[in-house]
Structures are given as structure tokens and as C-alpha cells.
Amino acid sequence: MDITVYSKPLCVQCDATKRALNKAGVAYDVVDITEDADALAKAKSLGYVQAPVVITGEDHWSGFRPDKIKELAGVAAA
């Protein structure tokens, strides 16, 4: 499953999300929305104005969501 984290520098929620994904053993790609205008446009097109924006194969959300990360870890383990 492809997971992308749209992040920005000095973002507490972004760092917390990446730490939780790492701890759960979930592989992901990081895109810096301050350097990639297309990525920022994609996040905004989904209705988000807060980083991080996490996009998985069938789901997406904004902010630090331990519940969603736990779901991803369960799917990755299965």
C-alpha cells in the first residue's frame, strides 16, 4: 500500500505522525508541501488546510491521528 505524508518543516503534528508511523513499522513517503506546489494543491483539493495530510490507498486525513495510524499498522501486519 502506498502511503504519502504531506508535511512541512517545524510542524509538531507532522513530526508526531512520522514518529508514530515509524514506531508502527509502516512504510511511507514524505512530501514537503513548502517545496512542492503540486502536493500543496492536492492537499488543498481534498479540503485540507492543516499539515500533515496523510493519503493511503483508500483513505486520507489531516493532523495527528493515532487511531488511523493504528488501523494502518493492523493492515500492514495482515
PDB file of N, CA and C in Angstrom:
ATOM      1  N   MET A   1       0.845  -1.172   0.000  1.00  0.00           N
ATOM      2  CA  MET A   1       0.000   0.000   0.000  1.00  0.00           C
ATOM      3  C   MET A   1       0.896   1.242   0.000  1.00  0.00           C
ATOM      4  N   ASP A   2       0.580   2.188  -0.863  1.00  0.00           N
ATOM      5  CA  ASP A   2       1.324   3.438  -0.924  1.00  0.00           C
ATOM      6  C   ASP A   2       0.748   4.424   0.079  1.00  0.00           C
ATOM      7  N   ILE A   3       1.616   4.948   0.920  1.00  0.00           N
ATOM      8  CA  ILE A   3       1.216   5.944   1.909  1.00  0.00           C
ATOM      9  C   ILE A   3       2.103   7.163   1.719  1.00  0.00           C
ATOM     10  N   THR A   4       1.478   8.324   1.614  1.00  0.00           N
ATOM     11  CA  THR A   4       2.219   9.568   1.461  1.00  0.00           C
ATOM     12  C   THR A   4       1.827  10.515   2.577  1.00  0.00           C
ATOM     13  N   VAL A   5       2.833  11.132   3.185  1.00  0.00           N
ATOM     14  CA  VAL A   5       2.614  12.131   4.218  1.00  0.00           C
ATOM     15  C   VAL A   5       3.031  13.480   3.639  1.00  0.00           C
ATOM     16  N   TYR A   6       2.064  14.353   3.461  1.00  0.00           N
ATOM     17  CA  TYR A   6       2.345  15.715   3.028  1.00  0.00           C
ATOM     18  C   TYR A   6       2.657  16.503   4.289  1.00  0.00           C
ATOM     19  N   SER A   7       3.885  16.987   4.386  1.00  0.00           N
ATOM     20  CA  SER A   7       4.396  17.554   5.618  1.00  0.00           C
ATOM     21  C   SER A   7       5.011  18.916   5.363  1.00  0.00           C
ATOM     22  N   LYS A   8       5.393  19.595   6.456  1.00  0.00           N
ATOM     23  CA  LYS A   8       6.134  20.847   6.331  1.00  0.00           C
ATOM     24  C   LYS A   8       7.124  20.934   7.484  1.00  0.00           C
ATOM     25  N   PRO A   9       8.166  21.732   7.338  1.00  0.00           N
ATOM     26  CA  PRO A   9       9.169  21.842   8.398  1.00  0.00           C
ATOM     27  C   PRO A   9       8.582  22.470   9.669  1.00  0.00           C
ATOM     28  N   LEU A  10       9.184  22.131  10.804  1.00  0.00           N
ATOM     29  CA  LEU A  10       8.810  22.695  12.101  1.00  0.00           C
ATOM     30  C   LEU A  10       7.327  22.507  12.424  1.00  0.00           C
ATOM     31  N   CYS A  11       6.811  21.335  12.084  1.00  0.00           N
ATOM     32  CA  CYS A  11       5.402  21.017  12.286  1.00  0.00           C
ATOM     33  C   CYS A  11       5.313  19.897  13.327  1.00  0.00           C
ATOM     34  N   VAL A  12       4.814  20.238  14.508  1.00  0.00           N
ATOM     35  CA  VAL A  12       4.743  19.279  15.615  1.00  0.00           C
ATOM     36  C   VAL A  12       3.876  18.077  15.250  1.00  0.00           C
ATOM     37  N   GLN A  13       2.713  18.329  14.662  1.00  0.00           N
ATOM     38  CA  GLN A  13       1.818  17.214  14.302  1.00  0.00           C
ATOM     39  C   GLN A  13       2.427  16.351  13.197  1.00  0.00           C
ATOM     40  N   CYS A  14       3.159  16.974  12.276  1.00  0.00           N
ATOM     41  CA  CYS A  14       3.832  16.212  11.210  1.00  0.00           C
ATOM     42  C   CYS A  14       4.863  15.270  11.827  1.00  0.00           C
ATOM     43  N   ASP A  15       5.677  15.818  12.734  1.00  0.00           N
ATOM     44  CA  ASP A  15       6.708  15.001  13.376  1.00  0.00           C
ATOM     45  C   ASP A  15       6.095  13.871  14.193  1.00  0.00           C
ATOM     46  N   ALA A  16       5.010  14.157  14.896  1.00  0.00           N
ATOM     47  CA  ALA A  16       4.342  13.120  15.694  1.00  0.00           C
ATOM     48  C   ALA A  16       3.796  12.014  14.792  1.00  0.00           C
ATOM     49  N   THR A  17       3.240  12.412  13.648  1.00  0.00           N
ATOM     50  CA  THR A  17       2.701  11.428  12.703  1.00  0.00           C
ATOM     51  C   THR A  17       3.812  10.532  12.170  1.00  0.00           C
ATOM     52  N   LYS A  18       4.929  11.123  11.771  1.00  0.00           N
ATOM     53  CA  LYS A  18       6.044  10.332  11.234  1.00  0.00           C
ATOM     54  C   LYS A  18       6.636   9.418  12.295  1.00  0.00           C
ATOM     55  N   ARG A  19       6.761   9.908  13.538  1.00  0.00           N
ATOM     56  CA  ARG A  19       7.257   9.059  14.632  1.00  0.00           C
ATOM     57  C   ARG A  19       6.338   7.862  14.862  1.00  0.00           C
ATOM     58  N   ALA A  20       5.027   8.111  14.869  1.00  0.00           N
ATOM     59  CA  ALA A  20       4.060   7.027  15.106  1.00  0.00           C
ATOM     60  C   ALA A  20       4.086   6.007  13.964  1.00  0.00           C
ATOM     61  N   LEU A  21       4.193   6.488  12.733  1.00  0.00           N
ATOM     62  CA  LEU A  21       4.282   5.572  11.591  1.00  0.00           C
ATOM     63  C   LEU A  21       5.556   4.729  11.677  1.00  0.00           C
ATOM     64  N   ASN A  22       6.661   5.367  12.031  1.00  0.00           N
ATOM     65  CA  ASN A  22       7.922   4.629  12.186  1.00  0.00           C
ATOM     66  C   ASN A  22       7.800   3.570  13.276  1.00  0.00           C
ATOM     67  N   LYS A  23       7.232   3.959  14.417  1.00  0.00           N
ATOM     68  CA  LYS A  23       7.084   3.029  15.540  1.00  0.00           C
ATOM     69  C   LYS A  23       6.192   1.849  15.161  1.00  0.00           C
ATOM     70  N   ALA A  24       5.184   2.114  14.340  1.00  0.00           N
ATOM     71  CA  ALA A  24       4.256   1.056  13.911  1.00  0.00           C
ATOM     72  C   ALA A  24       4.844   0.209  12.780  1.00  0.00           C
ATOM     73  N   GLY A  25       5.994   0.624  12.258  1.00  0.00           N
ATOM     74  CA  GLY A  25       6.623  -0.134  11.181  1.00  0.00           C
ATOM     75  C   GLY A  25       5.934   0.042   9.845  1.00  0.00           C
ATOM     76  N   VAL A  26       5.283   1.176   9.649  1.00  0.00           N
ATOM     77  CA  VAL A  26       4.552   1.451   8.410  1.00  0.00           C
ATOM     78  C   VAL A  26       5.451   2.263   7.472  1.00  0.00           C
ATOM     79  N   ALA A  27       5.640   1.764   6.261  1.00  0.00           N
ATOM     80  CA  ALA A  27       6.464   2.477   5.270  1.00  0.00           C
ATOM     81  C   ALA A  27       5.644   3.591   4.631  1.00  0.00           C
ATOM     82  N   TYR A  28       6.303   4.719   4.374  1.00  0.00           N
ATOM     83  CA  TYR A  28       5.610   5.861   3.788  1.00  0.00           C
ATOM     84  C   TYR A  28       6.610   6.765   3.084  1.00  0.00           C
ATOM     85  N   ASP A  29       6.090   7.621   2.227  1.00  0.00           N
ATOM     86  CA  ASP A  29       6.887   8.649   1.565  1.00  0.00           C
ATOM     87  C   ASP A  29       6.501   9.990   2.161  1.00  0.00           C
ATOM     88  N   VAL A  30       7.466  10.898   2.232  1.00  0.00           N
ATOM     89  CA  VAL A  30       7.207  12.242   2.748  1.00  0.00           C
ATOM     90  C   VAL A  30       7.375  13.245   1.614  1.00  0.00           C
ATOM     91  N   VAL A  31       6.411  14.146   1.492  1.00  0.00           N
ATOM     92  CA  VAL A  31       6.487  15.230   0.515  1.00  0.00           C
ATOM     93  C   VAL A  31       6.366  16.541   1.280  1.00  0.00           C
ATOM     94  N   ASP A  32       7.335  17.430   1.074  1.00  0.00           N
ATOM     95  CA  ASP A  32       7.336  18.735   1.744  1.00  0.00           C
ATOM     96  C   ASP A  32       6.463  19.692   0.939  1.00  0.00           C
ATOM     97  N   ILE A  33       5.323  20.082   1.522  1.00  0.00           N
ATOM     98  CA  ILE A  33       4.390  20.943   0.792  1.00  0.00           C
ATOM     99  C   ILE A  33       4.885  22.378   0.661  1.00  0.00           C
ATOM    100  N   THR A  34       5.959  22.733   1.384  1.00  0.00           N
ATOM    101  CA  THR A  34       6.524  24.073   1.214  1.00  0.00           C
ATOM    102  C   THR A  34       7.446  24.125   0.003  1.00  0.00           C
ATOM    103  N   GLU A  35       7.815  22.945  -0.522  1.00  0.00           N
ATOM    104  CA  GLU A  35       8.708  22.889  -1.674  1.00  0.00           C
ATOM    105  C   GLU A  35       8.045  22.311  -2.919  1.00  0.00           C
ATOM    106  N   ASP A  36       6.857  21.760  -2.772  1.00  0.00           N
ATOM    107  CA  ASP A  36       6.169  21.101  -3.888  1.00  0.00           C
ATOM    108  C   ASP A  36       4.762  21.690  -4.032  1.00  0.00           C
ATOM    109  N   ALA A  37       4.625  22.628  -4.963  1.00  0.00           N
ATOM    110  CA  ALA A  37       3.343  23.317  -5.155  1.00  0.00           C
ATOM    111  C   ALA A  37       2.232  22.360  -5.572  1.00  0.00           C
ATOM    112  N   ASP A  38       2.559  21.338  -6.359  1.00  0.00           N
ATOM    113  CA  ASP A  38       1.551  20.361  -6.782  1.00  0.00           C
ATOM    114  C   ASP A  38       1.016  19.573  -5.587  1.00  0.00           C
ATOM    115  N   ALA A  39       1.908  19.211  -4.673  1.00  0.00           N
ATOM    116  CA  ALA A  39       1.490  18.482  -3.479  1.00  0.00           C
ATOM    117  C   ALA A  39       0.596  19.352  -2.606  1.00  0.00           C
ATOM    118  N   LEU A  40       0.947  20.620  -2.461  1.00  0.00           N
ATOM    119  CA  LEU A  40       0.116  21.542  -1.685  1.00  0.00           C
ATOM    120  C   LEU A  40      -1.264  21.675  -2.325  1.00  0.00           C
ATOM    121  N   ALA A  41      -1.291  21.787  -3.645  1.00  0.00           N
ATOM    122  CA  ALA A  41      -2.569  21.894  -4.363  1.00  0.00           C
ATOM    123  C   ALA A  41      -3.413  20.629  -4.161  1.00  0.00           C
ATOM    124  N   LYS A  42      -2.764  19.455  -4.171  1.00  0.00           N
ATOM    125  CA  LYS A  42      -3.505  18.202  -3.971  1.00  0.00           C
ATOM    126  C   LYS A  42      -4.117  18.164  -2.567  1.00  0.00           C
ATOM    127  N   ALA A  43      -3.339  18.545  -1.555  1.00  0.00           N
ATOM    128  CA  ALA A  43      -3.853  18.551  -0.183  1.00  0.00           C
ATOM    129  C   ALA A  43      -5.032  19.516  -0.072  1.00  0.00           C
ATOM    130  N   LYS A  44      -4.906  20.691  -0.668  1.00  0.00           N
ATOM    131  CA  LYS A  44      -5.993  21.670  -0.626  1.00  0.00           C
ATOM    132  C   LYS A  44      -7.217  21.176  -1.393  1.00  0.00           C
ATOM    133  N   SER A  45      -6.995  20.436  -2.485  1.00  0.00           N
ATOM    134  CA  SER A  45      -8.114  19.933  -3.287  1.00  0.00           C
ATOM    135  C   SER A  45      -8.938  18.907  -2.507  1.00  0.00           C
ATOM    136  N   LEU A  46      -8.313  18.278  -1.502  1.00  0.00           N
ATOM    137  CA  LEU A  46      -9.030  17.332  -0.643  1.00  0.00           C
ATOM    138  C   LEU A  46      -9.746  18.052   0.497  1.00  0.00           C
ATOM    139  N   GLY A  47      -9.560  19.383   0.560  1.00  0.00           N
ATOM    140  CA  GLY A  47     -10.252  20.178   1.565  1.00  0.00           C
ATOM    141  C   GLY A  47      -9.447  20.444   2.822  1.00  0.00           C
ATOM    142  N   TYR A  48      -8.159  20.115   2.803  1.00  0.00           N
ATOM    143  CA  TYR A  48      -7.338  20.279   3.998  1.00  0.00           C
ATOM    144  C   TYR A  48      -6.564  21.589   3.975  1.00  0.00           C
ATOM    145  N   VAL A  49      -6.445  22.202   5.148  1.00  0.00           N
ATOM    146  CA  VAL A  49      -5.656  23.428   5.286  1.00  0.00           C
ATOM    147  C   VAL A  49      -4.621  23.281   6.407  1.00  0.00           C
ATOM    148  N   GLN A  50      -4.492  22.092   6.950  1.00  0.00           N
ATOM    149  CA  GLN A  50      -3.576  21.831   8.062  1.00  0.00           C
ATOM    150  C   GLN A  50      -2.696  20.639   7.718  1.00  0.00           C
ATOM    151  N   ALA A  51      -1.416  20.723   8.035  1.00  0.00           N
ATOM    152  CA  ALA A  51      -0.495  19.603   7.839  1.00  0.00           C
ATOM    153  C   ALA A  51      -0.399  18.825   9.154  1.00  0.00           C
ATOM    154  N   PRO A  52      -0.060  17.563   9.078  1.00  0.00           N
ATOM    155  CA  PRO A  52       0.173  16.797   7.869  1.00  0.00           C
ATOM    156  C   PRO A  52      -1.134  16.322   7.234  1.00  0.00           C
ATOM    157  N   VAL A  53      -1.033  16.012   5.958  1.00  0.00           N
ATOM    158  CA  VAL A  53      -2.116  15.317   5.267  1.00  0.00           C
ATOM    159  C   VAL A  53      -1.553  13.948   4.903  1.00  0.00           C
ATOM    160  N   VAL A  54      -2.237  12.907   5.340  1.00  0.00           N
ATOM    161  CA  VAL A  54      -1.803  11.537   5.070  1.00  0.00           C
ATOM    162  C   VAL A  54      -2.770  10.935   4.060  1.00  0.00           C
ATOM    163  N   ILE A  55      -2.200  10.383   2.986  1.00  0.00           N
ATOM    164  CA  ILE A  55      -3.019   9.757   1.953  1.00  0.00           C
ATOM    165  C   ILE A  55      -2.589   8.302   1.815  1.00  0.00           C
ATOM    166  N   THR A  56      -3.564   7.402   1.977  1.00  0.00           N
ATOM    167  CA  THR A  56      -3.315   5.973   1.786  1.00  0.00           C
ATOM    168  C   THR A  56      -4.071   5.543   0.538  1.00  0.00           C
ATOM    169  N   GLY A  57      -4.045   4.266   0.246  1.00  0.00           N
ATOM    170  CA  GLY A  57      -4.729   3.778  -0.941  1.00  0.00           C
ATOM    171  C   GLY A  57      -6.193   4.159  -1.000  1.00  0.00           C
ATOM    172  N   GLU A  58      -6.903   4.052   0.135  1.00  0.00           N
ATOM    173  CA  GLU A  58      -8.339   4.286   0.118  1.00  0.00           C
ATOM    174  C   GLU A  58      -8.808   5.301   1.151  1.00  0.00           C
ATOM    175  N   ASP A  59      -7.899   5.956   1.840  1.00  0.00           N
ATOM    176  CA  ASP A  59      -8.287   6.869   2.909  1.00  0.00           C
ATOM    177  C   ASP A  59      -7.353   8.075   2.916  1.00  0.00           C
ATOM    178  N   HIS A  60      -7.785   9.146   3.553  1.00  0.00           N
ATOM    179  CA  HIS A  60      -6.917  10.307   3.770  1.00  0.00           C
ATOM    180  C   HIS A  60      -7.441  11.088   4.959  1.00  0.00           C
ATOM    181  N   TRP A  61      -6.511  11.784   5.621  1.00  0.00           N
ATOM    182  CA  TRP A  61      -6.877  12.598   6.764  1.00  0.00           C
ATOM    183  C   TRP A  61      -5.819  13.661   6.995  1.00  0.00           C
ATOM    184  N   SER A  62      -6.166  14.591   7.887  1.00  0.00           N
ATOM    185  CA  SER A  62      -5.261  15.676   8.234  1.00  0.00           C
ATOM    186  C   SER A  62      -5.019  15.667   9.729  1.00  0.00           C
ATOM    187  N   GLY A  63      -3.812  16.079  10.136  1.00  0.00           N
ATOM    188  CA  GLY A  63      -3.473  16.154  11.549  1.00  0.00           C
ATOM    189  C   GLY A  63      -2.931  14.840  12.076  1.00  0.00           C
ATOM    190  N   PHE A  64      -2.565  14.850  13.343  1.00  0.00           N
ATOM    191  CA  PHE A  64      -2.041  13.652  14.004  1.00  0.00           C
ATOM    192  C   PHE A  64      -3.208  12.787  14.443  1.00  0.00           C
ATOM    193  N   ARG A  65      -3.321  11.607  13.832  1.00  0.00           N
ATOM    194  CA  ARG A  65      -4.444  10.707  14.097  1.00  0.00           C
ATOM    195  C   ARG A  65      -3.935   9.324  14.511  1.00  0.00           C
ATOM    196  N   PRO A  66      -3.624   9.138  15.798  1.00  0.00           N
ATOM    197  CA  PRO A  66      -3.135   7.828  16.251  1.00  0.00           C
ATOM    198  C   PRO A  66      -4.096   6.688  15.921  1.00  0.00           C
ATOM    199  N   ASP A  67      -5.406   6.964  15.922  1.00  0.00           N
ATOM    200  CA  ASP A  67      -6.386   5.919  15.607  1.00  0.00           C
ATOM    201  C   ASP A  67      -6.208   5.428  14.171  1.00  0.00           C
ATOM    202  N   LYS A  68      -5.996   6.352  13.249  1.00  0.00           N
ATOM    203  CA  LYS A  68      -5.811   5.975  11.841  1.00  0.00           C
ATOM    204  C   LYS A  68      -4.479   5.254  11.641  1.00  0.00           C
ATOM    205  N   ILE A  69      -3.448   5.694  12.352  1.00  0.00           N
ATOM    206  CA  ILE A  69      -2.136   5.052  12.232  1.00  0.00           C
ATOM    207  C   ILE A  69      -2.208   3.627  12.768  1.00  0.00           C
ATOM    208  N   LYS A  70      -2.941   3.432  13.853  1.00  0.00           N
ATOM    209  CA  LYS A  70      -3.126   2.082  14.407  1.00  0.00           C
ATOM    210  C   LYS A  70      -3.832   1.178  13.387  1.00  0.00           C
ATOM    211  N   GLU A  71      -4.846   1.727  12.698  1.00  0.00           N
ATOM    212  CA  GLU A  71      -5.522   0.955  11.640  1.00  0.00           C
ATOM    213  C   GLU A  71      -4.538   0.569  10.546  1.00  0.00           C
ATOM    214  N   LEU A  72      -3.699   1.516  10.124  1.00  0.00           N
ATOM    215  CA  LEU A  72      -2.702   1.230   9.086  1.00  0.00           C
ATOM    216  C   LEU A  72      -1.739   0.138   9.528  1.00  0.00           C
ATOM    217  N   ALA A  73      -1.314   0.200  10.775  1.00  0.00           N
ATOM    218  CA  ALA A  73      -0.389  -0.810  11.291  1.00  0.00           C
ATOM    219  C   ALA A  73      -1.038  -2.186  11.260  1.00  0.00           C
ATOM    220  N   GLY A  74      -2.326  -2.252  11.585  1.00  0.00           N
ATOM    221  CA  GLY A  74      -3.042  -3.523  11.544  1.00  0.00           C
ATOM    222  C   GLY A  74      -3.152  -4.066  10.129  1.00  0.00           C
ATOM    223  N   VAL A  75      -3.402  -3.191   9.173  1.00  0.00           N
ATOM    224  CA  VAL A  75      -3.496  -3.597   7.769  1.00  0.00           C
ATOM    225  C   VAL A  75      -2.140  -4.049   7.264  1.00  0.00           C
ATOM    226  N   ALA A  76      -1.083  -3.318   7.635  1.00  0.00           N
ATOM    227  CA  ALA A  76       0.262  -3.664   7.183  1.00  0.00           C
ATOM    228  C   ALA A  76       0.703  -5.008   7.749  1.00  0.00           C
ATOM    229  N   ALA A  77       0.267  -5.338   8.968  1.00  0.00           N
ATOM    230  CA  ALA A  77       0.649  -6.591   9.603  1.00  0.00           C
ATOM    231  C   ALA A  77      -0.114  -7.777   9.029  1.00  0.00           C
ATOM    232  N   ALA A  78      -1.285  -7.522   8.476  1.00  0.00           N
ATOM    233  CA  ALA A  78      -2.141  -8.615   7.977  1.00  0.00           C
ATOM    234  C   ALA A  78      -1.671  -9.188   6.661  1.00  0.00           C
TER     235      ALA A  78
END
